[in-house]
Protein backbone atom coordinates (compact mmCIF):
# COMPACT_ATOMS: atom_id res chain seq x y z
CA MET A 1 21.93 132.12 163.88
CA SER A 2 21.52 135.89 163.79
CA GLU A 3 23.90 137.74 161.51
CA SER A 4 24.40 140.45 164.13
CA GLU A 5 25.40 137.87 166.76
CA VAL A 6 27.84 136.26 164.35
CA ALA A 7 29.26 139.70 163.55
CA LEU A 8 29.62 140.40 167.28
CA LEU A 9 31.41 137.08 167.83
CA SER A 10 33.67 137.85 164.87
CA ARG A 11 34.58 141.26 166.34
CA MET A 12 35.19 139.67 169.74
CA TRP A 13 37.43 137.07 168.08
CA ASP A 14 39.41 139.82 166.32
CA GLN A 15 39.88 141.58 169.67
CA HIS A 16 40.96 138.33 171.26
CA MET A 17 43.54 137.69 168.56
CA ARG A 18 45.10 141.11 169.20
CA ALA A 19 45.25 140.61 172.98
CA PRO A 20 48.47 139.20 174.39
CA PHE A 21 48.17 136.04 176.44
CA PRO A 22 48.81 136.88 180.11
CA PRO A 23 52.35 135.60 180.74
CA GLN A 24 51.65 134.55 184.34
CA MET A 25 49.05 132.08 183.06
CA ARG A 26 51.55 130.00 181.06
CA GLY A 27 51.97 126.64 182.76
CA ARG A 28 49.46 127.56 185.47
CA GLU A 29 46.55 125.51 186.76
CA ILE A 30 43.72 126.97 188.79
CA HIS A 31 41.29 124.59 190.47
CA GLY A 32 42.63 121.80 188.27
CA GLU A 33 42.13 123.74 185.04
CA ASP A 34 45.13 124.28 182.73
CA MET A 35 44.80 127.93 181.77
CA VAL A 36 46.53 127.60 178.39
CA LEU A 37 44.39 124.60 177.45
CA LEU A 38 41.21 126.41 178.53
CA ASP A 39 42.15 129.31 176.24
CA ALA A 40 42.95 126.98 173.34
CA ASP A 41 39.77 124.91 173.70
CA ILE A 42 37.54 127.97 173.77
CA ALA A 43 39.41 129.53 170.86
CA GLY A 44 38.99 126.38 168.77
CA CYS A 45 35.27 126.24 169.46
CA VAL A 46 34.81 129.94 168.67
CA VAL A 47 36.59 129.52 165.32
CA SER A 48 34.37 126.50 164.59
CA THR A 49 31.27 128.52 165.48
CA LEU A 50 32.33 131.27 163.08
CA SER A 51 32.68 128.65 160.33
CA GLY A 52 29.21 127.20 160.86
CA PRO A 53 27.08 125.32 163.38
CA LEU A 54 28.96 123.45 166.08
CA ASP A 55 28.79 119.70 166.07
CA GLU A 56 27.65 118.03 169.29
CA LYS A 57 31.20 117.18 170.41
CA ARG A 58 32.43 120.78 170.16
CA ARG A 59 29.25 122.06 171.76
CA LYS A 60 29.87 119.79 174.77
CA VAL A 61 33.51 120.91 174.95
CA LEU A 62 32.39 124.53 174.89
CA LEU A 63 29.85 123.96 177.67
CA LEU A 64 32.54 122.28 179.80
CA CYS A 65 34.92 125.17 179.12
CA LEU A 66 32.27 127.69 180.05
CA ALA A 67 31.71 125.93 183.37
CA ALA A 68 35.48 125.75 183.95
CA ILE A 69 36.05 129.41 183.23
CA GLU A 70 33.24 130.42 185.58
CA LYS A 71 34.92 128.28 188.26
CA VAL A 72 38.37 129.84 187.85
CA LEU A 73 37.51 133.49 187.19
CA PRO A 74 37.14 134.46 190.88
CA SER A 75 40.68 133.17 191.51
CA ILE A 76 42.36 135.14 188.71
CA ASP A 77 44.01 138.37 189.77
CA ASP A 78 44.20 141.19 187.27
CA GLU A 79 47.97 141.20 186.93
CA ASP A 80 48.80 142.01 183.31
CA GLY A 81 45.09 142.03 182.42
CA ALA A 82 44.61 138.30 183.10
CA SER A 83 41.16 138.75 184.60
CA GLU A 84 39.93 140.82 181.66
CA TYR A 85 41.49 138.36 179.19
CA TYR A 86 39.59 135.42 180.69
CA LYS A 87 36.36 137.42 181.08
CA HIS A 88 36.56 138.15 177.36
CA LEU A 89 37.09 134.42 176.71
CA ARG A 90 34.07 133.63 178.87
CA ASP A 91 31.93 136.14 176.98
CA MET A 92 32.98 134.66 173.62
CA ALA A 93 32.25 131.14 174.86
CA ALA A 94 28.82 132.18 176.13
CA LEU A 95 27.95 133.84 172.82
CA ALA A 96 29.17 130.80 170.87
CA VAL A 97 26.97 128.53 173.02
CA GLU A 98 24.03 130.88 172.47
CA LEU A 99 24.60 130.78 168.72
CA GLY A 100 24.84 126.99 168.88
CA ASN A 101 21.58 126.79 170.79
CA ALA A 102 19.88 128.97 168.18
CA ASP A 103 21.12 126.61 165.45
CA ALA A 104 19.73 123.60 167.33
CA ARG A 105 16.20 125.01 167.31
């Protein structure tokens, strides 16, 4: 795990924590994905990644979340920054997976 990648993920996490959750996404499902749960699952995996290598269960959850967010992103409008919020989540998830893959080598 590269220190610069961990530092980048940490900065991204700090940005995420300062960003308000898009209110129109509360209680909303897109293509069968609960948008609050998707946010929470990715957030939990990112925090775990920042604490150390992901276990296999969290890595699988993160991969499923990454696939789900790619599926729903085209259907999210940018009202109240929702699209940017979920793109940022996707980018954090992708970096966390990349860091996890580096640890597995």
